Amino acid sequence: MPSLDPLTAVPPPAERRLALRVTPAAQRALRQGHPWLFDQAITAQSGEGRPGDLAVIFDAHRRFLAIGLYDPTSPLRVRVLHHGAPTAIDRSWLSGKLAGAIAWRSTLPENGTTGYRLVHGENDGLPGLVIDRYASTLVAKIYSLAWIPRLGELRAALDDVFPAACLVLRLSRDLLRRPEYLYGLEDGTVLAGPPPEGPVSFLENGLRFEADVLRGQKTGFFLDQRDNRARVERLSAGQEVLNVFAYSGGFSLYAARGGAPEVVSLDSSAPALAAAERNFALNLDLPAVAAAHHTSLAADAFLALADLRRGGRTFDLLIVDPPAFAKRQGEVSAALNAYERLTALALGVLRPGGTLVMASCSSRVPAAAFFDAVNAAAQRAGRPLRESERTGHPIDHPVLFPEGAYLKCLFARAP
């Protein structure tokens, strides 16, 4: 018997559109193409709205400014889909947006990569929606309840432009707190195709990886560090490498292929390190990976780095890629302190002339503040850094508005 469509209970979006009037400041931001409208910027509204309703935003002279998805449960009240002139928001429009995002990334599969971000939310004109590709599996992660009534339309539009063997839905933590708007949908619900029987395999720059698309962090893998992993590979020949916050061993595997004879993956999660071991096993046909001695260390990063220093253990190349330390503005100061502590701890086990790779994925932390914190900590440790490169987002994670920037990474040598 065929399984029931998981979207059966989800009500369709309302046909009527809300009309909104907004403050002069919001009008200026929208004219400049900003994708967000907050609740406090709304001065008048034609009626009550439900998540997923289309909201048309007008200026003071009742001229069209923008149209977007309305969400009464969030201070970010409208996620803007289109600016400038009126347009129909339907399956055809959505298919066109998806096709444009796919075309932007068309070179990635040519370079041995079948795991990458297909849609990067606001930066691809689809705010609150991320779609990642893992070979023939697509994972759609939504960050706004406004997308729930639109999932059927999204599924159909994806089938128009990028048919997948399987389409998985992932839900942000905020959405999981509002089950009354989910209509039975859960994190990891399969929207199309047969459910994956286990981790999904994909390629990244010719390396084989697996991703737990149903339960793994984010959508199953940290795709945004692909280019930085490739940079690490180019630096790894003959180097002993420590990968801190290793997760499933992405940087570690690249280092091994690059010729590192010794690679240590450090993470507090034993399941993540088990995934790293499996990723290594998937690539043992590569001579450099087979020759590398890879070990895992399950421990708190701060404590483990201090223990390694006390034990006299040192490395030629250190990668420190922690999770987001600042998810709210009030956490920025503590996050910068954490980056400074990690820098000092990392330098404590980095050999003279070694390379330090420090990354931050905290969007609340400005890039300049992050780089300043790392350099200040190195100065205090008596090992001022000689920077070789500062990097940001890869091609599949474009940034089209200031708040969309989050990833920053520093490559530097220490005396």
Protein backbone atom coordinates (compact mmCIF):
# COMPACT_ATOMS: atom_id res chain seq x y z
CA MET A 1 0.00 0.00 0.00
CA PRO A 2 1.46 3.41 -0.95
CA SER A 3 2.32 5.70 1.94
CA LEU A 4 0.19 8.75 2.60
CA ASP A 5 1.41 12.13 1.46
CA PRO A 6 2.85 13.82 4.59
CA LEU A 7 1.50 17.15 3.34
CA THR A 8 -2.12 15.98 3.26
CA ALA A 9 -3.00 17.69 6.54
CA VAL A 10 -1.25 20.97 5.68
CA PRO A 11 -3.77 23.65 4.68
CA PRO A 12 -3.07 25.46 1.41
CA PRO A 13 -2.00 29.10 1.55
CA ALA A 14 -4.76 31.68 1.60
CA GLU A 15 -5.77 33.15 -1.76
CA ARG A 16 -6.18 36.67 -0.42
CA ARG A 17 -3.19 38.89 0.09
CA LEU A 18 -2.50 41.11 3.04
CA ALA A 19 -1.78 44.78 2.42
CA LEU A 20 0.83 46.42 4.64
CA ARG A 21 2.00 49.99 5.14
CA VAL A 22 5.42 50.52 6.71
CA THR A 23 7.67 53.16 8.24
CA PRO A 24 9.85 55.45 6.09
CA ALA A 25 12.98 53.62 7.26
CA ALA A 26 11.51 50.29 6.17
CA GLN A 27 10.52 51.80 2.83
CA ARG A 28 14.11 52.86 2.22
CA ALA A 29 15.46 49.44 3.17
CA LEU A 30 12.99 47.66 0.89
CA ARG A 31 13.84 49.94 -2.03
CA GLN A 32 17.45 48.88 -1.52
CA GLY A 33 16.42 45.23 -1.76
CA HIS A 34 16.53 44.19 1.90
CA PRO A 35 14.79 40.82 2.38
CA TRP A 36 13.35 41.34 5.88
CA LEU A 37 10.49 43.34 7.35
CA PHE A 38 10.12 43.34 11.13
CA ASP A 39 6.85 43.69 13.00
CA GLN A 40 7.68 47.10 14.48
CA ALA A 41 8.09 48.56 10.99
CA ILE A 42 4.44 47.86 10.08
CA THR A 43 2.18 50.90 10.53
CA ALA A 44 -1.04 49.54 9.02
CA GLN A 45 -2.35 46.13 7.97
CA SER A 46 -5.48 45.11 6.06
CA GLY A 47 -6.32 42.16 8.31
CA GLU A 48 -5.09 39.25 10.37
CA GLY A 49 -2.69 36.93 8.62
CA ARG A 50 -1.64 33.31 8.89
CA PRO A 51 1.82 31.82 8.33
CA GLY A 52 2.45 31.59 4.61
CA ASP A 53 0.03 34.31 3.52
CA LEU A 54 1.37 36.64 0.85
CA ALA A 55 1.84 40.18 2.13
CA VAL A 56 2.02 43.10 -0.29
CA ILE A 57 3.95 46.08 1.07
CA PHE A 58 3.13 49.60 -0.10
CA ASP A 59 4.88 52.91 0.38
CA ALA A 60 3.34 56.12 1.75
CA HIS A 61 1.80 56.86 -1.68
CA ARG A 62 0.27 53.38 -1.98
CA ARG A 63 2.80 52.28 -4.54
CA PHE A 64 4.00 48.68 -4.62
CA LEU A 65 7.27 48.10 -2.79
CA ALA A 66 7.59 44.37 -2.28
CA ILE A 67 5.77 41.09 -1.70
CA GLY A 68 6.72 38.33 0.70
CA LEU A 69 5.70 35.54 3.05
CA TYR A 70 3.92 36.61 6.23
CA ASP A 71 4.56 35.00 9.62
CA PRO A 72 2.56 36.36 12.58
CA THR A 73 4.50 34.17 15.03
CA SER A 74 7.84 35.88 14.38
CA PRO A 75 9.18 39.41 14.93
CA LEU A 76 10.61 38.97 11.44
CA ARG A 77 7.10 39.42 10.11
CA VAL A 78 7.65 39.29 6.33
CA ARG A 79 10.36 37.51 4.37
CA VAL A 80 10.49 39.33 1.08
CA LEU A 81 10.36 37.33 -2.14
CA HIS A 82 10.22 40.11 -4.72
CA HIS A 83 10.94 43.85 -4.86
CA GLY A 84 10.09 46.60 -7.31
CA ALA A 85 7.09 45.80 -9.49
CA PRO A 86 4.07 43.55 -8.87
CA THR A 87 4.47 39.91 -9.89
CA ALA A 88 2.62 36.63 -9.42
CA ILE A 89 4.16 34.38 -6.77
CA ASP A 90 3.28 30.88 -7.91
CA ARG A 91 4.83 27.57 -8.94
CA SER A 92 6.21 29.08 -12.14
CA TRP A 93 7.86 31.93 -10.23
CA LEU A 94 9.32 29.49 -7.70
CA SER A 95 10.62 27.20 -10.45
CA GLY A 96 12.38 30.17 -12.02
CA LYS A 97 14.05 31.11 -8.73
CA LEU A 98 15.21 27.54 -8.20
CA ALA A 99 16.51 27.28 -11.76
CA GLY A 100 18.56 30.44 -11.30
CA ALA A 101 20.10 29.12 -8.08
CA ILE A 102 20.94 25.80 -9.75
CA ALA A 103 22.57 27.54 -12.72
CA TRP A 104 24.76 29.64 -10.39
CA ARG A 105 26.26 26.43 -8.99
CA SER A 106 26.57 24.55 -12.27
CA THR A 107 30.37 24.29 -12.14
CA LEU A 108 30.47 22.35 -8.87
CA PRO A 109 29.46 18.91 -10.23
CA GLU A 110 32.05 19.33 -12.98
CA ASN A 111 34.73 19.43 -10.27
CA GLY A 112 33.78 16.17 -8.58
CA THR A 113 31.30 17.67 -6.12
CA THR A 114 27.79 16.28 -5.66
CA GLY A 115 27.26 17.67 -2.16
CA TYR A 116 26.65 21.42 -2.01
CA ARG A 117 24.09 24.10 -1.17
CA LEU A 118 21.48 24.45 -3.87
CA VAL A 119 19.54 27.33 -2.29
CA HIS A 120 21.02 29.72 0.27
CA GLY A 121 17.92 31.41 1.66
CA GLU A 122 17.69 35.18 1.35
CA ASN A 123 20.82 35.28 -0.78
CA ASP A 124 19.07 33.30 -3.50
CA GLY A 125 15.82 35.23 -3.16
CA LEU A 126 14.10 32.55 -1.07
CA PRO A 127 14.33 33.82 2.52
CA GLY A 128 13.98 31.28 5.31
CA LEU A 129 14.67 28.33 2.99
CA VAL A 130 17.86 26.31 2.55
CA ILE A 131 18.14 23.39 0.15
CA ASP A 132 21.23 21.18 0.15
CA ARG A 133 22.08 18.53 -2.39
CA TYR A 134 23.64 15.20 -1.44
CA ALA A 135 23.99 13.33 -4.75
CA SER A 136 20.40 12.36 -5.70
CA THR A 137 18.94 13.40 -2.32
CA LEU A 138 17.74 16.93 -1.57
CA VAL A 139 17.31 18.29 1.96
CA ALA A 140 15.10 21.35 2.45
CA LYS A 141 15.54 23.10 5.78
CA ILE A 142 13.09 25.85 6.67
CA TYR A 143 13.53 28.61 9.23
CA SER A 144 10.06 30.16 9.04
CA LEU A 145 6.57 28.75 9.53
CA ALA A 146 5.62 30.75 6.45
CA TRP A 147 7.05 27.96 4.31
CA ILE A 148 4.85 25.21 5.78
CA PRO A 149 1.78 25.96 3.59
CA ARG A 150 4.12 26.39 0.61
CA LEU A 151 5.82 23.00 0.85
CA GLY A 152 3.56 21.36 -1.72
CA GLU A 153 4.33 24.12 -4.20
CA LEU A 154 8.04 23.88 -3.38
CA ARG A 155 8.04 20.13 -3.93
CA ALA A 156 6.35 20.56 -7.32
CA ALA A 157 8.73 23.33 -8.37
CA LEU A 158 11.76 21.25 -7.43
CA ASP A 159 10.37 18.41 -9.51
CA ASP A 160 10.20 20.86 -12.43
CA VAL A 161 13.86 21.83 -12.32
CA PHE A 162 15.82 19.30 -10.19
CA PRO A 163 13.97 15.99 -9.74
CA ALA A 164 15.44 14.11 -6.80
CA ALA A 165 15.29 10.49 -5.71
CA CYS A 166 14.40 11.70 -2.22
CA LEU A 167 13.35 15.03 -0.67
CA VAL A 168 13.82 15.40 3.09
CA LEU A 169 12.39 18.17 5.28
CA ARG A 170 14.43 19.55 8.15
CA LEU A 171 13.00 22.05 10.66
CA SER A 172 14.82 24.68 12.69
CA ARG A 173 14.67 24.54 16.48
CA ASP A 174 12.34 27.54 16.59
CA LEU A 175 9.81 25.80 14.35
CA LEU A 176 9.90 22.63 16.42
CA ARG A 177 8.65 24.69 19.37
CA ARG A 178 5.43 25.48 17.44
CA PRO A 179 3.92 22.04 16.65
CA GLU A 180 0.44 23.54 16.29
CA TYR A 181 1.59 25.03 12.96
CA LEU A 182 3.40 21.92 11.69
CA TYR A 183 0.32 19.73 11.03
CA GLY A 184 2.14 16.53 11.95
CA LEU A 185 5.36 17.31 10.10
CA GLU A 186 8.53 16.41 11.97
CA ASP A 187 12.22 17.08 11.58
CA GLY A 188 13.39 14.48 9.06
CA THR A 189 10.02 13.95 7.36
CA VAL A 190 10.48 12.56 3.85
CA LEU A 191 8.39 14.62 1.43
CA ALA A 192 9.12 12.61 -1.72
CA GLY A 193 10.72 9.30 -2.62
CA PRO A 194 11.71 6.38 -0.39
CA PRO A 195 13.31 7.21 2.98
CA PRO A 196 17.11 6.82 3.08
CA GLU A 197 18.10 3.48 4.60
CA GLY A 198 21.17 5.03 6.20
CA PRO A 199 23.68 7.81 5.64
CA VAL A 200 23.67 9.27 2.13
CA SER A 201 26.96 9.16 0.21
CA PHE A 202 28.17 12.10 -1.88
CA LEU A 203 31.34 13.56 -3.39
CA GLU A 204 33.22 16.71 -2.44
CA ASN A 205 36.17 17.58 -4.66
CA GLY A 206 36.46 13.88 -5.44
CA LEU A 207 36.44 12.72 -1.81
CA ARG A 208 33.64 10.46 -0.63
CA PHE A 209 31.64 11.47 2.42
CA GLU A 210 28.43 10.37 4.09
CA ALA A 211 25.72 12.55 5.61
CA ASP A 212 22.93 11.71 8.03
CA VAL A 213 20.30 13.78 6.25
CA LEU A 214 17.52 12.79 8.67
CA ARG A 215 19.18 13.58 12.01
CA GLY A 216 22.61 15.10 11.40
CA GLN A 217 23.56 18.66 12.33
CA LYS A 218 22.34 21.32 9.89
CA THR A 219 21.24 19.17 6.94
CA GLY A 220 23.79 16.44 7.62
CA PHE A 221 27.14 18.04 6.77
CA PHE A 222 28.93 21.41 6.96
CA LEU A 223 29.05 22.17 3.26
CA ASP A 224 30.20 25.78 3.66
CA GLN A 225 33.81 24.84 4.54
CA ARG A 226 34.50 23.03 1.27
CA ASP A 227 36.92 25.64 -0.11
CA ASN A 228 38.74 25.98 3.22
CA ARG A 229 39.11 22.22 3.42
CA ALA A 230 40.75 22.30 -0.01
CA ARG A 231 43.13 25.01 1.23
CA VAL A 232 44.09 22.81 4.18
CA GLU A 233 44.80 19.94 1.79
CA ARG A 234 47.32 22.10 -0.06
CA LEU A 235 49.12 22.87 3.22
CA SER A 236 49.24 19.35 4.65
CA ALA A 237 52.08 17.51 2.94
CA GLY A 238 54.41 16.16 5.63
CA GLN A 239 52.50 17.94 8.41
CA GLU A 240 51.17 16.52 11.66
CA VAL A 241 47.62 17.84 11.86
CA LEU A 242 45.14 18.43 14.68
CA ASN A 243 41.53 19.11 13.67
CA VAL A 244 39.64 20.65 16.61
CA PHE A 245 35.81 20.49 16.59
CA ALA A 246 36.30 17.90 13.87
CA TYR A 247 32.65 16.76 13.61
CA SER A 248 32.68 14.07 10.88
CA GLY A 249 36.27 14.69 9.89
CA GLY A 250 36.03 16.85 6.79
CA PHE A 251 39.23 18.82 7.36
CA SER A 252 40.94 15.66 8.61
CA LEU A 253 40.24 13.70 5.44
CA TYR A 254 41.44 16.53 3.21
CA ALA A 255 44.63 16.78 5.25
CA ALA A 256 45.21 13.06 4.82
CA ARG A 257 44.76 13.25 1.05
CA GLY A 258 47.13 16.21 1.05
CA GLY A 259 49.91 14.05 2.47
CA ALA A 260 49.69 14.50 6.24
CA PRO A 261 51.27 11.42 7.86
CA GLU A 262 49.49 12.00 11.19
CA VAL A 263 45.97 13.39 11.65
CA VAL A 264 44.08 13.71 14.93
CA SER A 265 40.35 14.48 14.96
CA LEU A 266 39.18 16.07 18.23
CA ASP A 267 35.49 16.43 19.04
CA SER A 268 33.26 16.02 22.09
CA SER A 269 30.82 13.83 20.14
CA ALA A 270 31.67 10.13 19.89
CA PRO A 271 29.04 9.59 17.13
CA ALA A 272 30.57 12.41 15.09
CA LEU A 273 34.01 10.84 15.41
CA ALA A 274 32.58 7.47 14.41
CA ALA A 275 31.28 9.18 11.26
CA ALA A 276 34.79 10.56 10.68
CA GLU A 277 36.19 7.04 10.84
CA ARG A 278 33.61 5.88 8.30
CA ASN A 279 34.50 8.77 6.00
CA PHE A 280 38.14 7.72 6.13
CA ALA A 281 37.12 4.14 5.36
CA LEU A 282 35.22 5.34 2.28
CA ASN A 283 38.47 6.74 0.84
CA LEU A 284 41.03 4.06 1.62
CA ASP A 285 41.46 3.46 -2.11
CA LEU A 286 43.42 6.73 -2.15
CA PRO A 287 47.07 5.95 -1.31
CA ALA A 288 47.63 9.11 0.75
CA VAL A 289 44.52 8.47 2.87
CA ALA A 290 45.48 4.84 3.40
CA ALA A 291 48.99 5.88 4.45
CA ALA A 292 47.86 8.51 6.96
CA HIS A 293 47.61 7.54 10.62
CA HIS A 294 44.22 8.91 11.72
CA THR A 295 43.21 8.86 15.37
CA SER A 296 40.14 10.22 17.15
CA LEU A 297 40.00 12.00 20.49
CA ALA A 298 36.59 12.38 22.15
CA ALA A 299 36.91 15.27 24.58
CA ASP A 300 36.00 18.86 25.31
CA ALA A 301 38.16 21.02 23.02
CA PHE A 302 39.22 23.53 25.68
CA LEU A 303 40.21 20.84 28.17
CA ALA A 304 41.86 18.60 25.58
CA LEU A 305 44.04 21.38 24.17
CA ALA A 306 45.27 22.18 27.68
CA ASP A 307 45.94 18.49 28.34
CA LEU A 308 47.88 18.11 25.08
CA ARG A 309 50.08 21.06 26.00
CA ARG A 310 50.79 19.65 29.45
CA GLY A 311 51.73 16.38 27.79
CA GLY A 312 54.12 18.12 25.39
CA ARG A 313 52.16 17.10 22.29
CA THR A 314 52.58 19.50 19.38
CA PHE A 315 51.45 19.76 15.75
CA ASP A 316 52.48 21.49 12.53
CA LEU A 317 48.97 22.43 11.41
CA LEU A 318 45.93 23.19 13.58
CA ILE A 319 42.37 23.68 12.39
CA VAL A 320 39.94 25.20 14.91
CA ASP A 321 36.38 25.34 13.54
CA PRO A 322 34.00 25.70 16.50
CA PRO A 323 30.19 25.85 16.42
CA ALA A 324 28.43 29.22 16.57
CA PHE A 325 29.29 30.79 19.91
CA ALA A 326 26.95 33.78 19.49
CA LYS A 327 23.40 33.10 18.35
CA ARG A 328 22.15 36.32 19.96
CA GLN A 329 23.64 39.78 20.10
CA GLY A 330 24.09 39.56 23.85
CA GLU A 331 26.46 36.61 23.41
CA VAL A 332 28.99 38.38 21.18
CA SER A 333 31.34 39.44 23.98
CA ALA A 334 31.49 35.92 25.42
CA ALA A 335 32.03 34.53 21.92
CA LEU A 336 35.02 36.80 21.31
CA ASN A 337 36.46 35.71 24.64
CA ALA A 338 36.03 32.09 23.60
CA TYR A 339 37.84 32.69 20.31
CA GLU A 340 40.69 34.34 22.21
CA ARG A 341 40.94 31.39 24.63
CA LEU A 342 40.94 28.91 21.77
CA THR A 343 43.64 30.84 19.95
CA ALA A 344 45.89 30.81 23.02
CA LEU A 345 45.23 27.11 23.64
CA ALA A 346 45.87 26.23 19.99
CA LEU A 347 49.14 28.14 19.95
CA GLY A 348 50.16 26.16 23.01
CA VAL A 349 50.33 23.00 20.88
CA LEU A 350 51.43 24.55 17.57
CA ARG A 351 55.07 24.07 16.64
CA PRO A 352 57.22 27.08 15.70
CA GLY A 353 56.52 28.05 12.12
CA GLY A 354 53.29 26.04 12.17
CA THR A 355 50.03 27.01 10.52
CA LEU A 356 46.89 27.99 12.44
CA VAL A 357 43.49 27.88 10.75
CA MET A 358 40.80 29.63 12.84
CA ALA A 359 37.18 29.82 11.71
CA SER A 360 33.94 31.38 12.96
CA CYS A 361 30.41 30.66 11.80
CA SER A 362 28.75 33.12 14.21
CA SER A 363 26.84 35.65 12.12
CA ARG A 364 26.53 37.97 15.11
CA VAL A 365 30.30 38.29 15.35
CA PRO A 366 31.65 40.78 12.78
CA ALA A 367 34.57 39.54 10.71
CA ALA A 368 36.81 42.42 11.83
CA ALA A 369 36.10 41.71 15.50
CA PHE A 370 36.85 38.01 15.04
CA PHE A 371 40.16 38.59 13.27
CA ASP A 372 41.14 41.24 15.83
CA ALA A 373 40.38 38.84 18.70
CA VAL A 374 42.50 36.07 17.21
CA ASN A 375 45.43 38.38 16.52
CA ALA A 376 45.20 40.01 19.96
CA ALA A 377 45.30 36.63 21.67
CA ALA A 378 48.33 35.62 19.62
CA GLN A 379 50.11 38.85 20.55
CA ARG A 380 49.46 38.24 24.25
CA ALA A 381 50.79 34.71 23.87
CA GLY A 382 54.02 36.13 22.45
CA ARG A 383 53.41 34.52 19.05
CA PRO A 384 52.17 37.25 16.70
CA LEU A 385 50.59 35.76 13.62
CA ARG A 386 51.73 36.28 10.06
CA GLU A 387 48.51 36.11 8.10
CA SER A 388 48.47 34.44 4.72
CA GLU A 389 44.76 34.57 3.92
CA ARG A 390 41.35 35.62 5.18
CA THR A 391 38.46 33.79 3.55
CA GLY A 392 34.69 34.00 3.53
CA HIS A 393 31.84 32.29 1.73
CA PRO A 394 32.11 29.76 -1.12
CA ILE A 395 30.16 30.11 -4.36
CA ASP A 396 27.19 28.06 -3.15
CA HIS A 397 26.80 30.27 -0.04
CA PRO A 398 26.55 33.72 -1.67
CA VAL A 399 26.06 36.88 0.40
CA LEU A 400 23.78 39.58 -1.01
CA PHE A 401 22.98 41.55 2.15
CA PRO A 402 25.10 42.40 5.22
CA GLU A 403 23.25 40.18 7.71
CA GLY A 404 23.76 37.21 5.39
CA ALA A 405 27.52 37.08 6.05
CA TYR A 406 28.56 34.66 8.77
CA LEU A 407 31.58 32.56 7.74
CA LYS A 408 35.12 33.86 8.21
CA CYS A 409 38.38 31.97 8.37
CA LEU A 410 41.99 32.95 9.03
CA PHE A 411 45.08 31.15 7.74
CA ALA A 412 48.28 32.26 9.48
CA ARG A 413 51.72 31.13 10.60
CA ALA A 414 53.05 31.52 14.13
CA PRO A 415 56.73 31.95 15.08
